[in-house]
Amino acid sequence: MFEVVYCSRTGNTKMIADEIASELKVTAEPVKTKEALSKNSFVFLGSDCYFNGYSRKLNKFITGNDFNNRKVALFGTSATDRGNELDTLDKTVAAAGAIVMGKFNCKGKFLGIFNRNHPTREEMILARRFAHDVSQS
């Protein structure tokens, strides 16, 4: 069983979450409405990036759920496409006992003028491929 949970302020990460969820044949859920994970699910956890970190809302979600020995795949969007938020998120979920199976990051539009056409259709296809490949492990 797969679950896709995400934080998205501007809609970029939601777009990627929806693509991943579609590939996995589940529904993506925003972290603000998702209270608990299903037992033994493989979680795709996504965040937007601000100031090289992931969304603070995820901290509460992570500490409120059991990630011990749970498979997790991380995804995110950022203006820089560096994926710094995923490195920090990786450390957080690993400290909670999760087994990180992979990470995916792409550009997201920012302030309406930077990266205007991101995530692109190609990035959406790459997100679906990521979901497919990681879900097979």
Protein backbone atom coordinates (compact mmCIF):
# COMPACT_ATOMS: atom_id res chain seq x y z
CA MET A 1 0.00 0.00 0.00
CA PHE A 2 1.25 3.48 -0.94
CA GLU A 3 0.46 6.88 0.51
CA VAL A 4 1.42 10.27 -0.94
CA VAL A 5 1.53 13.11 1.59
CA TYR A 6 2.78 16.62 0.78
CA CYS A 7 3.08 20.29 1.75
CA SER A 8 2.67 22.89 -0.97
CA ARG A 9 2.35 26.66 -0.57
CA THR A 10 2.14 27.65 -4.24
CA GLY A 11 0.89 24.46 -5.88
CA ASN A 12 4.18 23.25 -7.38
CA THR A 13 4.66 20.35 -4.98
CA LYS A 14 0.96 19.49 -5.22
CA MET A 15 1.38 19.08 -8.97
CA ILE A 16 4.24 16.63 -8.45
CA ALA A 17 2.34 14.84 -5.65
CA ASP A 18 -0.65 14.36 -7.95
CA GLU A 19 1.55 12.89 -10.69
CA ILE A 20 3.19 10.48 -8.25
CA ALA A 21 -0.17 9.50 -6.78
CA SER A 22 -1.62 8.93 -10.24
CA GLU A 23 1.24 6.60 -11.09
CA LEU A 24 0.68 4.69 -7.83
CA LYS A 25 -3.12 4.71 -8.28
CA VAL A 26 -3.77 6.51 -4.98
CA THR A 27 -4.86 10.01 -3.99
CA ALA A 28 -2.30 12.56 -2.81
CA GLU A 29 -3.18 14.13 0.52
CA PRO A 30 -2.00 17.45 1.94
CA VAL A 31 -0.24 17.07 5.29
CA LYS A 32 -2.67 19.54 6.88
CA THR A 33 -5.59 17.13 6.41
CA LYS A 34 -3.73 13.83 6.87
CA GLU A 35 -3.70 12.82 10.52
CA ALA A 36 -2.23 9.34 10.53
CA LEU A 37 -0.49 6.94 8.21
CA SER A 38 -1.80 3.47 7.53
CA LYS A 39 0.11 0.67 9.15
CA ASN A 40 3.05 -0.57 7.04
CA SER A 41 2.41 1.77 4.09
CA PHE A 42 5.20 2.94 1.79
CA VAL A 43 5.05 6.74 2.04
CA PHE A 44 5.96 9.26 -0.64
CA LEU A 45 6.54 12.43 1.36
CA GLY A 46 6.82 15.79 -0.40
CA SER A 47 7.69 19.34 0.52
CA ASP A 48 8.16 22.73 -0.97
CA CYS A 49 11.50 24.41 -0.27
CA TYR A 50 11.98 27.70 1.52
CA PHE A 51 15.35 28.91 2.76
CA ASN A 52 16.91 25.51 1.97
CA GLY A 53 14.59 23.69 4.36
CA TYR A 54 11.41 21.68 4.15
CA SER A 55 8.00 22.75 5.42
CA ARG A 56 7.67 23.02 9.21
CA LYS A 57 4.27 21.36 8.99
CA LEU A 58 6.05 18.13 8.14
CA ASN A 59 7.88 18.07 11.48
CA LYS A 60 4.61 17.74 13.36
CA PHE A 61 3.42 15.09 10.92
CA ILE A 62 6.66 13.10 11.19
CA THR A 63 6.74 13.19 14.98
CA GLY A 64 3.05 12.29 15.13
CA ASN A 65 3.47 9.12 13.05
CA ASP A 66 5.47 5.92 13.28
CA PHE A 67 8.28 5.96 10.71
CA ASN A 68 10.31 3.16 12.30
CA ASN A 69 11.32 0.71 9.55
CA ARG A 70 8.87 2.37 7.15
CA LYS A 71 9.88 2.76 3.50
CA VAL A 72 9.81 6.40 2.47
CA ALA A 73 10.49 8.20 -0.81
CA LEU A 74 11.01 11.96 -0.74
CA PHE A 75 10.10 14.56 -3.34
CA GLY A 76 10.10 18.30 -3.54
CA THR A 77 10.14 21.47 -5.59
CA SER A 78 12.33 24.52 -5.22
CA ALA A 79 13.25 27.66 -7.10
CA THR A 80 16.88 26.56 -7.29
CA ASP A 81 16.35 22.86 -8.08
CA ARG A 82 19.15 21.95 -5.64
CA GLY A 83 17.04 19.69 -3.45
CA ASN A 84 18.49 21.02 -0.19
CA GLU A 85 15.14 20.55 1.52
CA LEU A 86 15.26 16.86 0.71
CA ASP A 87 18.69 16.43 2.28
CA THR A 88 17.38 17.94 5.51
CA LEU A 89 14.13 15.96 5.31
CA ASP A 90 16.14 12.79 4.65
CA LYS A 91 18.03 13.28 7.92
CA THR A 92 14.80 13.92 9.83
CA VAL A 93 12.93 10.84 8.64
CA ALA A 94 16.04 8.66 8.93
CA ALA A 95 16.40 9.80 12.56
CA ALA A 96 12.76 8.74 13.02
CA GLY A 97 13.70 5.26 11.79
CA ALA A 98 12.54 5.48 8.17
CA ILE A 99 14.27 3.73 5.30
CA VAL A 100 14.68 6.32 2.54
CA MET A 101 14.31 4.58 -0.81
CA GLY A 102 14.89 7.56 -3.10
CA LYS A 103 14.55 11.30 -3.69
CA PHE A 104 13.17 13.41 -6.52
CA ASN A 105 13.42 17.18 -6.88
CA CYS A 106 12.55 19.62 -9.63
CA LYS A 107 12.18 23.35 -10.15
CA GLY A 108 9.04 25.15 -9.12
CA LYS A 109 7.85 28.56 -10.17
CA PHE A 110 8.56 31.25 -7.61
CA LEU A 111 6.98 34.70 -7.21
CA GLY A 112 5.38 34.32 -10.62
CA ILE A 113 8.54 35.44 -12.43
CA PHE A 114 11.17 32.80 -11.67
CA ASN A 115 10.91 29.38 -13.33
CA ARG A 116 7.61 30.45 -14.84
CA ASN A 117 6.85 27.19 -16.65
CA HIS A 118 7.88 24.80 -13.90
CA PRO A 119 7.20 22.08 -13.11
CA THR A 120 7.34 21.28 -16.81
CA ARG A 121 5.57 18.40 -18.52
CA GLU A 122 8.95 16.64 -18.75
CA GLU A 123 9.46 17.05 -14.99
CA MET A 124 6.00 15.57 -14.42
CA ILE A 125 6.94 12.57 -16.53
CA LEU A 126 10.17 12.21 -14.54
CA ALA A 127 8.15 12.31 -11.30
CA ARG A 128 5.93 9.49 -12.56
CA ARG A 129 9.01 7.48 -13.58
CA PHE A 130 10.51 8.09 -10.15
CA ALA A 131 7.33 6.81 -8.48
CA HIS A 132 7.26 3.75 -10.71
CA ASP A 133 10.91 2.89 -10.20
CA VAL A 134 10.96 3.45 -6.43
CA SER A 135 7.70 1.61 -5.88
CA GLN A 136 9.24 -1.51 -7.41
CA SER A 137 11.97 -1.66 -4.75
